[in-house]
Amino acid sequence: MPISSGIQAPDFSLPDENNTTRRLSDFRGWSVVLYFYPKDDTPGCTTEACNFRDDYSAFINADIVILGVSPDSSQSHLKFKEKYSLLFPLLADIGHKVCEQYEVWGPKKFMGREHEGVLRTTFLIDKSGRIARVFENVRPAEHSAEVLAAVKTL
């Protein structure tokens, strides 16, 4: 179960697709959509990322930054970002330390087999750095619209 709303979002430092270090604290003063996803260029993750891309201007107009996080490498993120013209940073959590910090790394089932991986989860973080909302068991196709609707409550 991921960390809950109402608390200060844990700060972190991760490289993006260009190996530029990004810190959550760099975005104070902005609201942040911090979404954790399992793997670049897979069906559900591509749907989710492309929907955030398609709604990007609505997020920016609401002073909201989008940050995607997965255990993939910066090089993988760069290919994924270029292939789908993604407009927001993708952060490489190799070793899944930040996933564990946000409690979104855990047991998953795929084709009857259990393994450890990213539990698709999104955190809506307010301008002061507090977690305003947590979205668990995200459905990729509807998720961007769901987050946009929740933005109105910030």
N, C-alpha and C. Protein backbone atom coordinates (compact mmCIF):
# COMPACT_ATOMS: atom_id res chain seq x y z
N MET A 1 0.84 -1.18 0.00
CA MET A 1 0.00 0.00 0.00
C MET A 1 0.89 1.25 0.00
N PRO A 2 0.66 2.17 -0.94
CA PRO A 2 1.52 3.35 -1.04
C PRO A 2 1.36 4.30 0.15
N ILE A 3 2.32 5.20 0.28
CA ILE A 3 2.20 6.20 1.33
C ILE A 3 0.92 7.01 1.09
N SER A 4 0.41 7.62 2.13
CA SER A 4 -0.92 8.21 2.05
C SER A 4 -0.91 9.71 1.82
N SER A 5 -2.08 10.22 1.51
CA SER A 5 -2.23 11.65 1.29
C SER A 5 -2.15 12.39 2.63
N GLY A 6 -1.87 13.69 2.53
CA GLY A 6 -1.80 14.53 3.72
C GLY A 6 -0.40 14.70 4.27
N ILE A 7 0.54 13.87 3.83
CA ILE A 7 1.91 13.99 4.33
C ILE A 7 2.79 14.71 3.30
N GLN A 8 3.93 15.16 3.77
CA GLN A 8 4.90 15.77 2.87
C GLN A 8 5.45 14.68 1.95
N ALA A 9 5.46 14.94 0.65
CA ALA A 9 5.99 13.96 -0.31
C ALA A 9 7.49 13.80 -0.09
N PRO A 10 7.97 12.57 0.02
CA PRO A 10 9.41 12.37 0.19
C PRO A 10 10.19 12.94 -1.00
N ASP A 11 11.22 13.71 -0.70
CA ASP A 11 12.05 14.25 -1.77
C ASP A 11 12.93 13.13 -2.32
N PHE A 12 13.38 13.31 -3.54
CA PHE A 12 14.26 12.32 -4.17
C PHE A 12 15.07 13.03 -5.23
N SER A 13 16.05 12.33 -5.74
CA SER A 13 16.92 12.81 -6.79
C SER A 13 17.11 11.67 -7.78
N LEU A 14 16.67 11.85 -9.04
CA LEU A 14 16.79 10.81 -10.06
C LEU A 14 17.21 11.43 -11.39
N PRO A 15 17.92 10.67 -12.22
CA PRO A 15 18.24 11.18 -13.56
C PRO A 15 17.04 11.05 -14.48
N ASP A 16 16.90 12.05 -15.38
CA ASP A 16 15.84 11.95 -16.39
C ASP A 16 16.40 11.29 -17.65
N GLU A 17 15.64 11.38 -18.73
CA GLU A 17 16.02 10.73 -19.99
C GLU A 17 17.31 11.29 -20.59
N ASN A 18 17.71 12.50 -20.16
CA ASN A 18 18.95 13.11 -20.64
C ASN A 18 20.07 13.04 -19.60
N ASN A 19 19.86 12.25 -18.56
CA ASN A 19 20.80 12.13 -17.44
C ASN A 19 20.94 13.42 -16.65
N THR A 20 19.93 14.30 -16.73
CA THR A 20 19.88 15.50 -15.91
C THR A 20 19.23 15.11 -14.58
N THR A 21 19.88 15.47 -13.48
CA THR A 21 19.32 15.12 -12.17
C THR A 21 18.11 16.00 -11.88
N ARG A 22 17.03 15.35 -11.51
CA ARG A 22 15.78 16.04 -11.14
C ARG A 22 15.47 15.70 -9.70
N ARG A 23 15.08 16.74 -8.94
CA ARG A 23 14.67 16.55 -7.55
C ARG A 23 13.22 16.99 -7.44
N LEU A 24 12.45 16.29 -6.65
CA LEU A 24 11.07 16.70 -6.45
C LEU A 24 11.02 18.12 -5.89
N SER A 25 11.94 18.43 -4.99
CA SER A 25 11.96 19.76 -4.37
C SER A 25 12.21 20.89 -5.38
N ASP A 26 12.76 20.57 -6.55
CA ASP A 26 12.95 21.57 -7.59
C ASP A 26 11.63 22.13 -8.10
N PHE A 27 10.54 21.42 -7.85
CA PHE A 27 9.24 21.80 -8.39
C PHE A 27 8.32 22.43 -7.34
N ARG A 28 8.87 22.83 -6.18
CA ARG A 28 8.05 23.52 -5.18
C ARG A 28 7.48 24.77 -5.82
N GLY A 29 6.23 25.05 -5.51
CA GLY A 29 5.55 26.17 -6.13
C GLY A 29 4.69 25.73 -7.31
N TRP A 30 4.90 24.51 -7.74
CA TRP A 30 4.08 23.89 -8.77
C TRP A 30 3.38 22.68 -8.14
N SER A 31 2.23 22.35 -8.63
CA SER A 31 1.65 21.06 -8.27
C SER A 31 2.30 20.03 -9.18
N VAL A 32 2.40 18.80 -8.71
CA VAL A 32 3.11 17.76 -9.46
C VAL A 32 2.24 16.51 -9.56
N VAL A 33 2.16 15.97 -10.77
CA VAL A 33 1.61 14.63 -10.98
C VAL A 33 2.83 13.72 -11.06
N LEU A 34 3.02 12.90 -10.03
CA LEU A 34 4.14 11.96 -9.97
C LEU A 34 3.56 10.58 -10.22
N TYR A 35 3.79 10.07 -11.43
CA TYR A 35 3.20 8.78 -11.73
C TYR A 35 4.27 7.70 -11.92
N PHE A 36 4.03 6.58 -11.26
CA PHE A 36 4.92 5.43 -11.30
C PHE A 36 4.32 4.41 -12.25
N TYR A 37 5.14 3.92 -13.18
CA TYR A 37 4.67 2.95 -14.16
C TYR A 37 5.70 1.85 -14.32
N PRO A 38 5.25 0.65 -14.74
CA PRO A 38 6.15 -0.51 -14.76
C PRO A 38 7.28 -0.48 -15.80
N LYS A 39 6.96 -0.15 -17.08
CA LYS A 39 7.98 -0.36 -18.11
C LYS A 39 7.71 0.48 -19.35
N ASP A 40 8.77 1.08 -19.87
CA ASP A 40 8.67 1.85 -21.11
C ASP A 40 8.17 0.98 -22.26
N ASP A 41 7.39 1.61 -23.14
CA ASP A 41 6.99 1.02 -24.42
C ASP A 41 6.26 -0.32 -24.29
N THR A 42 5.46 -0.46 -23.25
CA THR A 42 4.57 -1.61 -23.12
C THR A 42 3.15 -1.08 -23.27
N PRO A 43 2.19 -1.92 -23.59
CA PRO A 43 0.85 -1.40 -23.94
C PRO A 43 0.21 -0.47 -22.91
N GLY A 44 0.09 -0.89 -21.67
CA GLY A 44 -0.56 -0.05 -20.66
C GLY A 44 0.23 1.22 -20.37
N CYS A 45 1.54 1.09 -20.29
CA CYS A 45 2.39 2.25 -19.99
C CYS A 45 2.39 3.25 -21.13
N THR A 46 2.34 2.76 -22.35
CA THR A 46 2.28 3.65 -23.51
C THR A 46 0.94 4.39 -23.54
N THR A 47 -0.14 3.69 -23.28
CA THR A 47 -1.46 4.32 -23.24
C THR A 47 -1.49 5.43 -22.19
N GLU A 48 -0.99 5.11 -21.00
CA GLU A 48 -0.99 6.09 -19.91
C GLU A 48 -0.15 7.31 -20.28
N ALA A 49 1.07 7.09 -20.78
CA ALA A 49 1.96 8.20 -21.13
C ALA A 49 1.38 9.05 -22.26
N CYS A 50 0.82 8.42 -23.26
CA CYS A 50 0.26 9.17 -24.39
C CYS A 50 -0.97 9.98 -23.99
N ASN A 51 -1.75 9.48 -23.05
CA ASN A 51 -2.89 10.26 -22.56
C ASN A 51 -2.42 11.47 -21.76
N PHE A 52 -1.37 11.31 -20.96
CA PHE A 52 -0.80 12.47 -20.27
C PHE A 52 -0.25 13.46 -21.31
N ARG A 53 0.38 12.94 -22.35
CA ARG A 53 0.90 13.81 -23.43
C ARG A 53 -0.25 14.59 -24.09
N ASP A 54 -1.33 13.88 -24.39
CA ASP A 54 -2.45 14.52 -25.08
C ASP A 54 -3.13 15.58 -24.21
N ASP A 55 -3.08 15.41 -22.90
CA ASP A 55 -3.69 16.37 -21.97
C ASP A 55 -2.67 17.36 -21.39
N TYR A 56 -1.45 17.31 -21.90
CA TYR A 56 -0.34 18.07 -21.34
C TYR A 56 -0.65 19.56 -21.20
N SER A 57 -1.22 20.18 -22.22
CA SER A 57 -1.47 21.63 -22.15
C SER A 57 -2.46 21.96 -21.04
N ALA A 58 -3.44 21.10 -20.79
CA ALA A 58 -4.38 21.34 -19.70
C ALA A 58 -3.67 21.29 -18.35
N PHE A 59 -2.73 20.39 -18.21
CA PHE A 59 -1.95 20.31 -16.95
C PHE A 59 -1.08 21.55 -16.80
N ILE A 60 -0.38 21.94 -17.84
CA ILE A 60 0.51 23.10 -17.77
C ILE A 60 -0.31 24.36 -17.48
N ASN A 61 -1.46 24.50 -18.12
CA ASN A 61 -2.32 25.66 -17.88
C ASN A 61 -2.80 25.73 -16.43
N ALA A 62 -2.83 24.59 -15.75
CA ALA A 62 -3.23 24.53 -14.33
C ALA A 62 -2.00 24.57 -13.42
N ASP A 63 -0.82 24.93 -13.98
CA ASP A 63 0.44 25.00 -13.22
C ASP A 63 0.81 23.66 -12.60
N ILE A 64 0.66 22.61 -13.39
CA ILE A 64 0.98 21.26 -12.91
C ILE A 64 2.06 20.65 -13.78
N VAL A 65 3.09 20.13 -13.12
CA VAL A 65 4.19 19.42 -13.77
C VAL A 65 3.89 17.94 -13.73
N ILE A 66 4.22 17.23 -14.80
CA ILE A 66 4.07 15.77 -14.83
C ILE A 66 5.46 15.15 -14.80
N LEU A 67 5.64 14.17 -13.93
CA LEU A 67 6.89 13.41 -13.85
C LEU A 67 6.55 11.93 -13.88
N GLY A 68 7.10 11.20 -14.84
CA GLY A 68 6.93 9.75 -14.89
C GLY A 68 8.14 9.07 -14.30
N VAL A 69 7.91 7.98 -13.56
CA VAL A 69 9.01 7.25 -12.92
C VAL A 69 8.85 5.76 -13.20
N SER A 70 9.92 5.13 -13.65
CA SER A 70 9.96 3.67 -13.77
C SER A 70 11.40 3.20 -13.55
N PRO A 71 11.60 1.90 -13.36
CA PRO A 71 12.95 1.39 -13.15
C PRO A 71 13.80 1.30 -14.43
N ASP A 72 13.25 1.74 -15.57
CA ASP A 72 14.01 1.70 -16.82
C ASP A 72 15.16 2.70 -16.79
N SER A 73 16.13 2.49 -17.66
CA SER A 73 17.30 3.36 -17.75
C SER A 73 16.96 4.68 -18.45
N SER A 74 17.84 5.65 -18.30
CA SER A 74 17.68 6.93 -18.99
C SER A 74 17.63 6.73 -20.50
N GLN A 75 18.45 5.82 -21.02
CA GLN A 75 18.46 5.55 -22.47
C GLN A 75 17.13 4.99 -22.93
N SER A 76 16.55 4.09 -22.16
CA SER A 76 15.25 3.52 -22.49
C SER A 76 14.19 4.62 -22.46
N HIS A 77 14.26 5.49 -21.46
CA HIS A 77 13.31 6.60 -21.35
C HIS A 77 13.43 7.54 -22.56
N LEU A 78 14.66 7.81 -23.00
CA LEU A 78 14.85 8.70 -24.14
C LEU A 78 14.21 8.12 -25.40
N LYS A 79 14.41 6.84 -25.63
CA LYS A 79 13.78 6.19 -26.80
C LYS A 79 12.26 6.24 -26.71
N PHE A 80 11.74 5.94 -25.53
CA PHE A 80 10.28 5.95 -25.30
C PHE A 80 9.73 7.36 -25.51
N LYS A 81 10.40 8.33 -24.96
CA LYS A 81 9.96 9.72 -25.05
C LYS A 81 9.98 10.20 -26.51
N GLU A 82 11.03 9.87 -27.23
CA GLU A 82 11.13 10.29 -28.63
C GLU A 82 10.12 9.56 -29.51
N LYS A 83 9.93 8.28 -29.29
CA LYS A 83 9.01 7.48 -30.11
C LYS A 83 7.58 8.01 -30.03
N TYR A 84 7.17 8.47 -28.83
CA TYR A 84 5.79 8.90 -28.63
C TYR A 84 5.64 10.41 -28.40
N SER A 85 6.71 11.17 -28.66
CA SER A 85 6.69 12.64 -28.51
C SER A 85 6.16 13.06 -27.14
N LEU A 86 6.67 12.42 -26.10
CA LEU A 86 6.25 12.76 -24.75
C LEU A 86 6.89 14.09 -24.35
N LEU A 87 6.15 14.91 -23.63
CA LEU A 87 6.55 16.29 -23.37
C LEU A 87 7.03 16.53 -21.94
N PHE A 88 7.11 15.49 -21.14
CA PHE A 88 7.45 15.65 -19.72
C PHE A 88 8.60 14.72 -19.37
N PRO A 89 9.31 15.02 -18.28
CA PRO A 89 10.46 14.19 -17.89
C PRO A 89 10.05 12.78 -17.47
N LEU A 90 10.91 11.83 -17.85
CA LEU A 90 10.79 10.44 -17.39
C LEU A 90 12.02 10.16 -16.54
N LEU A 91 11.81 9.72 -15.33
CA LEU A 91 12.89 9.55 -14.37
C LEU A 91 13.26 8.08 -14.20
N ALA A 92 14.57 7.83 -14.19
CA ALA A 92 15.09 6.47 -14.13
C ALA A 92 15.36 6.07 -12.68
N ASP A 93 14.51 5.20 -12.17
CA ASP A 93 14.64 4.71 -10.79
C ASP A 93 15.25 3.31 -10.82
N ILE A 94 16.46 3.24 -11.37
CA ILE A 94 17.17 1.96 -11.45
C ILE A 94 17.44 1.50 -10.02
N GLY A 95 17.09 0.28 -9.71
CA GLY A 95 17.23 -0.22 -8.35
C GLY A 95 15.98 0.04 -7.52
N HIS A 96 15.01 0.71 -8.10
CA HIS A 96 13.67 0.99 -7.54
C HIS A 96 13.66 1.55 -6.12
N LYS A 97 14.67 2.36 -5.79
CA LYS A 97 14.75 2.97 -4.45
C LYS A 97 13.59 3.94 -4.19
N VAL A 98 13.28 4.78 -5.18
CA VAL A 98 12.19 5.75 -5.00
C VAL A 98 10.84 5.03 -5.01
N CYS A 99 10.71 4.01 -5.83
CA CYS A 99 9.48 3.19 -5.81
C CYS A 99 9.26 2.63 -4.41
N GLU A 100 10.32 2.15 -3.80
CA GLU A 100 10.20 1.62 -2.44
C GLU A 100 9.90 2.73 -1.43
N GLN A 101 10.51 3.89 -1.62
CA GLN A 101 10.28 5.03 -0.74
C GLN A 101 8.80 5.43 -0.75
N TYR A 102 8.18 5.37 -1.94
CA TYR A 102 6.76 5.71 -2.09
C TYR A 102 5.85 4.48 -1.90
N GLU A 103 6.46 3.36 -1.58
CA GLU A 103 5.73 2.11 -1.29
C GLU A 103 4.88 1.64 -2.47
N VAL A 104 5.47 1.75 -3.67
CA VAL A 104 4.78 1.29 -4.87
C VAL A 104 5.56 0.15 -5.55
N TRP A 105 6.43 -0.49 -4.81
CA TRP A 105 7.17 -1.65 -5.30
C TRP A 105 6.67 -2.84 -4.49
N GLY A 106 6.16 -3.86 -5.19
CA GLY A 106 5.63 -4.99 -4.44
C GLY A 106 5.25 -6.15 -5.33
N PRO A 107 4.57 -7.14 -4.75
CA PRO A 107 4.20 -8.34 -5.50
C PRO A 107 3.13 -8.05 -6.54
N LYS A 108 3.34 -8.64 -7.72
CA LYS A 108 2.39 -8.53 -8.83
C LYS A 108 2.21 -9.91 -9.43
N LYS A 109 1.09 -10.08 -10.12
CA LYS A 109 0.87 -11.34 -10.83
C LYS A 109 0.76 -11.05 -12.32
N PHE A 110 1.40 -11.90 -13.10
CA PHE A 110 1.31 -11.80 -14.55
C PHE A 110 1.31 -13.21 -15.11
N MET A 111 0.26 -13.53 -15.82
CA MET A 111 0.09 -14.85 -16.42
C MET A 111 0.28 -15.96 -15.39
N GLY A 112 -0.30 -15.76 -14.21
CA GLY A 112 -0.26 -16.77 -13.17
C GLY A 112 1.02 -16.83 -12.36
N ARG A 113 1.99 -16.00 -12.70
CA ARG A 113 3.25 -16.01 -11.97
C ARG A 113 3.38 -14.74 -11.14
N GLU A 114 3.93 -14.89 -9.95
CA GLU A 114 4.11 -13.73 -9.09
C GLU A 114 5.55 -13.24 -9.20
N HIS A 115 5.70 -11.91 -9.22
CA HIS A 115 7.02 -11.29 -9.24
C HIS A 115 6.92 -9.92 -8.57
N GLU A 116 8.05 -9.32 -8.29
CA GLU A 116 8.10 -7.98 -7.71
C GLU A 116 8.17 -6.96 -8.84
N GLY A 117 7.46 -5.86 -8.66
CA GLY A 117 7.50 -4.82 -9.67
C GLY A 117 6.78 -3.56 -9.22
N VAL A 118 6.67 -2.61 -10.14
CA VAL A 118 6.02 -1.34 -9.87
C VAL A 118 4.51 -1.55 -9.84
N LEU A 119 3.89 -1.09 -8.77
CA LEU A 119 2.44 -1.09 -8.66
C LEU A 119 1.99 0.27 -9.22
N ARG A 120 1.34 0.24 -10.37
CA ARG A 120 0.98 1.48 -11.09
C ARG A 120 0.19 2.41 -10.16
N THR A 121 0.83 3.51 -9.78
CA THR A 121 0.27 4.43 -8.78
C THR A 121 0.65 5.85 -9.16
N THR A 122 -0.24 6.79 -8.86
CA THR A 122 0.03 8.21 -9.12
C THR A 122 -0.22 9.02 -7.85
N PHE A 123 0.66 10.00 -7.63
CA PHE A 123 0.53 10.91 -6.50
C PHE A 123 0.31 12.31 -7.05
N LEU A 124 -0.72 12.96 -6.58
CA LEU A 124 -0.96 14.37 -6.90
C LEU A 124 -0.42 15.16 -5.72
N ILE A 125 0.60 15.97 -5.99
CA ILE A 125 1.32 16.70 -4.93
C ILE A 125 1.02 18.18 -5.09
N ASP A 126 0.64 18.83 -4.00
CA ASP A 126 0.27 20.25 -4.08
C ASP A 126 1.52 21.13 -4.11
N LYS A 127 1.30 22.44 -4.26
CA LYS A 127 2.40 23.39 -4.44
C LYS A 127 3.34 23.46 -3.24
N SER A 128 2.87 23.07 -2.07
CA SER A 128 3.72 23.08 -0.88
C SER A 128 4.47 21.76 -0.69
N GLY A 129 4.23 20.80 -1.58
CA GLY A 129 4.95 19.52 -1.51
C GLY A 129 4.23 18.45 -0.72
N ARG A 130 2.96 18.68 -0.37
CA ARG A 130 2.17 17.67 0.36
C ARG A 130 1.41 16.80 -0.64
N ILE A 131 1.25 15.54 -0.29
CA ILE A 131 0.48 14.64 -1.14
C ILE A 131 -1.00 14.93 -0.94
N ALA A 132 -1.64 15.41 -2.01
CA ALA A 132 -3.05 15.77 -1.95
C ALA A 132 -3.95 14.58 -2.26
N ARG A 133 -3.46 13.68 -3.11
CA ARG A 133 -4.29 12.53 -3.51
C ARG A 133 -3.39 11.41 -3.99
N VAL A 134 -3.82 10.18 -3.75
CA VAL A 134 -3.11 8.99 -4.22
C VAL A 134 -4.08 8.18 -5.08
N PHE A 135 -3.62 7.81 -6.27
CA PHE A 135 -4.41 6.99 -7.18
C PHE A 135 -3.75 5.62 -7.25
N GLU A 136 -4.45 4.60 -6.76
CA GLU A 136 -3.92 3.24 -6.79
C GLU A 136 -4.63 2.43 -7.86
N ASN A 137 -4.03 1.32 -8.25
CA ASN A 137 -4.63 0.42 -9.24
C ASN A 137 -5.13 1.20 -10.46
N VAL A 138 -4.26 2.03 -10.96
CA VAL A 138 -4.58 2.93 -12.07
C VAL A 138 -4.98 2.15 -13.32
N ARG A 139 -6.03 2.65 -13.97
CA ARG A 139 -6.45 2.12 -15.27
C ARG A 139 -5.91 3.08 -16.33
N PRO A 140 -4.90 2.67 -17.09
CA PRO A 140 -4.18 3.58 -17.97
C PRO A 140 -5.05 4.41 -18.93
N ALA A 141 -6.06 3.82 -19.50
CA ALA A 141 -6.85 4.52 -20.52
C ALA A 141 -7.61 5.72 -19.96
N GLU A 142 -8.06 5.66 -18.72
CA GLU A 142 -8.87 6.74 -18.15
C GLU A 142 -8.08 7.63 -17.19
N HIS A 143 -6.85 7.29 -16.93
CA HIS A 143 -6.16 7.89 -15.82
C HIS A 143 -5.88 9.39 -15.96
N SER A 144 -5.41 9.84 -17.10
CA SER A 144 -5.10 11.25 -17.26
C SER A 144 -6.34 12.11 -17.01
N ALA A 145 -7.46 11.72 -17.55
CA ALA A 145 -8.73 12.46 -17.33
C ALA A 145 -9.12 12.43 -15.86
N GLU A 146 -8.89 11.30 -15.20
CA GLU A 146 -9.20 11.17 -13.77
C GLU A 146 -8.35 12.15 -12.95
N VAL A 147 -7.07 12.24 -13.29
CA VAL A 147 -6.18 13.14 -12.56
C VAL A 147 -6.54 14.60 -12.85
N LEU A 148 -6.84 14.90 -14.10
CA LEU A 148 -7.25 16.27 -14.45
C LEU A 148 -8.50 16.70 -13.66
N ALA A 149 -9.45 15.80 -13.51
CA ALA A 149 -10.65 16.11 -12.73
C ALA A 149 -10.29 16.39 -11.27
N ALA A 150 -9.34 15.63 -10.73
CA ALA A 150 -8.94 15.80 -9.33
C ALA A 150 -8.15 17.09 -9.12
N VAL A 151 -7.52 17.59 -10.15
CA VAL A 151 -6.73 18.82 -10.07
C VAL A 151 -7.62 19.98 -9.60
N LYS A 152 -8.84 19.96 -9.98
CA LYS A 152 -9.78 21.04 -9.61
C LYS A 152 -9.99 21.14 -8.10
N THR A 153 -9.62 20.09 -7.37
CA THR A 153 -9.80 20.10 -5.91
C THR A 153 -8.58 20.68 -5.18
N LEU A 154 -7.50 20.97 -5.91
CA LEU A 154 -6.30 21.52 -5.26
C LEU A 154 -6.50 22.96 -4.86
